[in-house]
Each structure stands twice: as C-alpha cells, then as structure tokens.
C-alpha cells in the first residue's frame, strides 16, 4: 500500500516535533550540567583542565541542541532570544517554568 502525500506530510510533522522535543530534553540536560559545572569551584581548584573540558562539552551540547530549537517555527521566540544571547540561566528557567525573571 502507498502512503498518501497527506500521510507523508503528517509523518514529517510528527518527526519534526519528535526531533524538537528530543533537542529540548538534551538542551535542558546540558543547561543543568553547565550550571552545575560552573557552580563547582572546588572541582576547578582541584583540576582546572577537567573542569574546563566538562564546561566545553556542556556548551557544545547546548549549541547542538539550540540549533534544532532555533530552526523550529513553533518554538518560543522568548526561548530563542535567550539561546541566541546565551542567557542560559534564563533559558533553563523558561524551559522549566514557562517564564524567566528579568
């Protein structure tokens, strides 16, 4: 049986929503990891190289996930603004609560 063009369009829409949802989960995790790494001054004092590597890895994941969210036409413009400006605390707060303190 053939899939109709409407069926393919619907499938592509669901796939896109799945990819965005997956990106938001990764983004949330990476934002939390980055905040935890930044807050762990003891780790930095004990092993600065390892600390900076962890910070860089979290930042790379934020960038990868942000790319998907920024391309999504249904994503919040406010969230996109926070990501573009690298306002990561506000971005995480917005994801978790739907709002961010100014």
C-alpha atoms as a PDB file:
ATOM      1  CA  UNK A   1       0.000   0.000   0.000  1.00  0.00           C
ATOM      2  CA  UNK A   2       1.146   3.506  -0.771  1.00  0.00           C
ATOM      3  CA  UNK A   3       1.359   6.283   1.762  1.00  0.00           C
ATOM      4  CA  UNK A   4      -0.559   9.333   0.624  1.00  0.00           C
ATOM      5  CA  UNK A   5       1.094  12.735   0.433  1.00  0.00           C
ATOM      6  CA  UNK A   6      -1.081  13.781   3.388  1.00  0.00           C
ATOM      7  CA  UNK A   7       0.223  10.775   5.322  1.00  0.00           C
ATOM      8  CA  UNK A   8       3.820  11.666   4.489  1.00  0.00           C
ATOM      9  CA  UNK A   9       3.246  15.289   5.479  1.00  0.00           C
ATOM     10  CA  UNK A  10       1.727  14.189   8.797  1.00  0.00           C
ATOM     11  CA  UNK A  11       4.629  11.786   9.386  1.00  0.00           C
ATOM     12  CA  UNK A  12       7.167  14.546   8.682  1.00  0.00           C
ATOM     13  CA  UNK A  13       5.336  16.876  11.081  1.00  0.00           C
ATOM     14  CA  UNK A  14       5.454  14.261  13.856  1.00  0.00           C
ATOM     15  CA  UNK A  15       9.117  13.512  13.125  1.00  0.00           C
ATOM     16  CA  UNK A  16       9.956  17.215  13.320  1.00  0.00           C
ATOM     17  CA  UNK A  17       8.089  17.556  16.627  1.00  0.00           C
ATOM     18  CA  UNK A  18       9.931  14.486  17.947  1.00  0.00           C
ATOM     19  CA  UNK A  19      13.320  15.948  16.976  1.00  0.00           C
ATOM     20  CA  UNK A  20      12.491  19.271  18.635  1.00  0.00           C
ATOM     21  CA  UNK A  21      11.294  17.515  21.789  1.00  0.00           C
ATOM     22  CA  UNK A  22      14.464  15.409  21.823  1.00  0.00           C
ATOM     23  CA  UNK A  23      16.532  18.597  21.377  1.00  0.00           C
ATOM     24  CA  UNK A  24      14.695  20.299  24.260  1.00  0.00           C
ATOM     25  CA  UNK A  25      15.440  17.336  26.532  1.00  0.00           C
ATOM     26  CA  UNK A  26      19.130  17.426  25.548  1.00  0.00           C
ATOM     27  CA  UNK A  27      19.208  21.199  25.888  1.00  0.00           C
ATOM     28  CA  UNK A  28      17.670  21.092  29.370  1.00  0.00           C
ATOM     29  CA  UNK A  29      20.151  18.429  30.485  1.00  0.00           C
ATOM     30  CA  UNK A  30      23.119  20.339  29.047  1.00  0.00           C
ATOM     31  CA  UNK A  31      21.995  23.623  30.626  1.00  0.00           C
ATOM     32  CA  UNK A  32      21.702  21.924  34.015  1.00  0.00           C
ATOM     33  CA  UNK A  33      25.118  20.270  33.611  1.00  0.00           C
ATOM     34  CA  UNK A  34      26.723  23.560  32.593  1.00  0.00           C
ATOM     35  CA  UNK A  35      25.239  25.361  35.607  1.00  0.00           C
ATOM     36  CA  UNK A  36      26.443  22.586  37.939  1.00  0.00           C
ATOM     37  CA  UNK A  37      29.953  22.695  36.475  1.00  0.00           C
ATOM     38  CA  UNK A  38      30.127  26.485  36.744  1.00  0.00           C
ATOM     39  CA  UNK A  39      28.971  26.298  40.372  1.00  0.00           C
ATOM     40  CA  UNK A  40      31.569  23.661  41.309  1.00  0.00           C
ATOM     41  CA  UNK A  41      34.512  25.917  42.176  1.00  0.00           C
ATOM     42  CA  UNK A  42      36.135  23.097  44.151  1.00  0.00           C
ATOM     43  CA  UNK A  43      36.417  20.989  41.008  1.00  0.00           C
ATOM     44  CA  UNK A  44      38.018  23.911  39.195  1.00  0.00           C
ATOM     45  CA  UNK A  45      40.535  24.377  42.014  1.00  0.00           C
ATOM     46  CA  UNK A  46      41.376  20.640  42.099  1.00  0.00           C
ATOM     47  CA  UNK A  47      41.541  20.044  38.338  1.00  0.00           C
ATOM     48  CA  UNK A  48      41.053  23.093  36.149  1.00  0.00           C
ATOM     49  CA  UNK A  49      41.643  21.213  32.881  1.00  0.00           C
ATOM     50  CA  UNK A  50      38.987  18.590  33.604  1.00  0.00           C
ATOM     51  CA  UNK A  51      36.592  21.271  34.805  1.00  0.00           C
ATOM     52  CA  UNK A  52      37.046  23.328  31.641  1.00  0.00           C
ATOM     53  CA  UNK A  53      36.649  20.192  29.484  1.00  0.00           C
ATOM     54  CA  UNK A  54      33.311  19.448  31.166  1.00  0.00           C
ATOM     55  CA  UNK A  55      32.223  23.049  30.679  1.00  0.00           C
ATOM     56  CA  UNK A  56      33.191  22.924  26.995  1.00  0.00           C
ATOM     57  CA  UNK A  57      31.325  19.639  26.452  1.00  0.00           C
ATOM     58  CA  UNK A  58      28.143  21.008  28.044  1.00  0.00           C
ATOM     59  CA  UNK A  59      28.484  24.140  25.910  1.00  0.00           C
ATOM     60  CA  UNK A  60      28.872  22.060  22.722  1.00  0.00           C
ATOM     61  CA  UNK A  61      25.703  20.122  23.577  1.00  0.00           C
ATOM     62  CA  UNK A  62      23.868  23.389  24.250  1.00  0.00           C
ATOM     63  CA  UNK A  63      24.969  24.641  20.822  1.00  0.00           C
ATOM     64  CA  UNK A  64      23.907  21.399  19.062  1.00  0.00           C
ATOM     65  CA  UNK A  65      20.506  21.317  20.730  1.00  0.00           C
ATOM     66  CA  UNK A  66      19.975  25.059  20.299  1.00  0.00           C
ATOM     67  CA  UNK A  67      20.416  24.743  16.534  1.00  0.00           C
ATOM     68  CA  UNK A  68      17.374  22.450  16.326  1.00  0.00           C
ATOM     69  CA  UNK A  69      15.269  24.665  18.590  1.00  0.00           C
ATOM     70  CA  UNK A  70      16.258  27.841  16.732  1.00  0.00           C
ATOM     71  CA  UNK A  71      15.169  26.333  13.392  1.00  0.00           C
ATOM     72  CA  UNK A  72      11.782  25.250  14.757  1.00  0.00           C
ATOM     73  CA  UNK A  73       8.989  27.622  13.770  1.00  0.00           C
ATOM     74  CA  UNK A  74       6.849  26.581  16.749  1.00  0.00           C
ATOM     75  CA  UNK A  75       9.497  27.221  19.411  1.00  0.00           C
ATOM     76  CA  UNK A  76       9.008  30.187  21.724  1.00  0.00           C
ATOM     77  CA  UNK A  77      10.564  33.393  20.453  1.00  0.00           C
ATOM     78  CA  UNK A  78      11.499  34.224  24.042  1.00  0.00           C
ATOM     79  CA  UNK A  79      13.408  30.936  24.384  1.00  0.00           C
ATOM     80  CA  UNK A  80      15.120  31.566  21.048  1.00  0.00           C
ATOM     81  CA  UNK A  81      16.118  35.042  22.286  1.00  0.00           C
ATOM     82  CA  UNK A  82      17.675  33.582  25.449  1.00  0.00           C
ATOM     83  CA  UNK A  83      19.582  30.980  23.438  1.00  0.00           C
ATOM     84  CA  UNK A  84      20.904  33.481  20.891  1.00  0.00           C
ATOM     85  CA  UNK A  85      22.016  35.813  23.691  1.00  0.00           C
ATOM     86  CA  UNK A  86      23.471  32.834  25.604  1.00  0.00           C
ATOM     87  CA  UNK A  87      21.334  33.751  28.617  1.00  0.00           C
ATOM     88  CA  UNK A  88      21.460  30.159  29.784  1.00  0.00           C
ATOM     89  CA  UNK A  89      20.034  30.648  33.268  1.00  0.00           C
ATOM     90  CA  UNK A  90      17.005  32.403  31.796  1.00  0.00           C
ATOM     91  CA  UNK A  91      16.679  29.764  29.057  1.00  0.00           C
ATOM     92  CA  UNK A  92      16.623  26.959  31.627  1.00  0.00           C
ATOM     93  CA  UNK A  93      14.190  28.836  33.842  1.00  0.00           C
ATOM     94  CA  UNK A  94      11.932  29.430  30.828  1.00  0.00           C
ATOM     95  CA  UNK A  95      12.012  25.756  29.811  1.00  0.00           C
ATOM     96  CA  UNK A  96      11.220  24.623  33.339  1.00  0.00           C
ATOM     97  CA  UNK A  97       8.545  27.193  34.246  1.00  0.00           C
ATOM     98  CA  UNK A  98       7.419  28.914  31.052  1.00  0.00           C
ATOM     99  CA  UNK A  99       8.755  32.234  32.290  1.00  0.00           C
ATOM    100  CA  UNK A 100      12.052  33.810  33.274  1.00  0.00           C
ATOM    101  CA  UNK A 101      12.901  36.580  35.695  1.00  0.00           C
ATOM    102  CA  UNK A 102      14.168  39.723  34.038  1.00  0.00           C
END
